[in-house]
């Protein structure tokens, strides 16, 4: 896509078409990522060994912590790039891209080193016990100790390409790794293949993330001079406006994901106090609920460049129409998926494991988790607007409200009132409150922008 084509997309393309152009590749990529995240659970589940399945669930918070780095340098740099494009500053676009890339690479290497040094204490903190320790350790060695850097880099580079409007290339890069992982999983995990169990799932994840990184690096080399995404170290600097612009959005986004890790760790530890079947069932229900969650995330992330560009260029009416249309299509999808999860929970859980105890637990967990999704999409979209416009403090307030003020206390209270099963409804309690706050906050932002436009 030529630069003039990108300008037309951001400035003059009809809103539905512009949103679809950006969102469809992003949503397809998100759905493939859901399959990728569910593949480990699905193929490990075919072993019918709750211990192996519990290993994948227990390491999930650490892998979710990757998103803290992804958001710090991916969301932060892409937001800075989009706003710089809207104001016509291509130098800042390139420097933001280089800054995000190299900081993500260094952070991934440091992440691997830290987990390797603190390996055994971290396993215990995640809830691994004598029964699940060996399988959990094997899975974490591949996915984290070896795989942190490629896992983080391929997501950050997708953000950078999406920021300049190359949503299709971003999605192809992400999907290449995801699809390869789905192909490799049964070969590495199952008895007819390498019979590595959970360890094989981790190995497949590591290889697929390396391939995704290779795609993006090749794309940058091939499209040199035709893309604003740059990794030339000569453009790297700690220039004040770059650091503040990236970190002003990225740090709150990273904190948001770290709080998500804390919330998931609390949830897993509460669940682990029951038995391995409960842990496995909660893991399956969480993976299934990622389908609507990742679609919401895909829409909000895909339209961020469009929102940020029009915010910076002063076209606030187009920005508002983008948010409204995105909210409409997200809510329709989320409501449909929630209804399906509520009506057919047992059939969905049975796709992963046939164990009667796991299906019984999972049925109740999935119903509770699915109810939160329509409210979650409103919250995600609002946070996406904050990030696109450089309003990092607003995104941080919502992150603290979601986990610290609402969801974690709800986990404690609901587990005490309705042991185990109440845990699945904590997210619903938090997201209902946040959805209301999102609507009110967005209305206040749009009114302020309308007043500023009238005064100009």
Foldseek 3Di string as FASTA:
>chain_A
DFLVVLCCLLPPPPLVVSLCLLQVLLLVLLLLVLCLLCLLLQLLQVVVDLLLLLLSLLCVLVVLLLVLLLLLLQLLLLLQLLLCVLVPNLLLNLQSLQQSQVVLQVVLQVQLVVCVVCVPVVSVLSPDDPSNSVSNSLLCCLCRNQARNLVNNLSSLLSSCLSSPNSNLSSVLSSQLSVQLSVQQNQQPPPVHVNPRSNSSSNSNRVSSVSSNVSSVVVCVVCPVRDSNDNPCVSYDVPPCSVCSSNLASNLSSVLSNLVSVLSSLLLNLQSVPDSLSSSLLSLLVSLLSSLVSSLLSSLSSCLSSLLSCLSNLVLVSNVVNLVVSLVVSLVVLVVSLVVCLVPVLVSSVSRHVDPSSSVSNSLLNNQQSLLRSLVSLLSNLSSNCSSNSVNVVSNVLSCQQRVVFQVVQLVVQCVVPNSSSNSNSNNRSSVVSSVVSVVVVVVVSVVSVVVVVVD
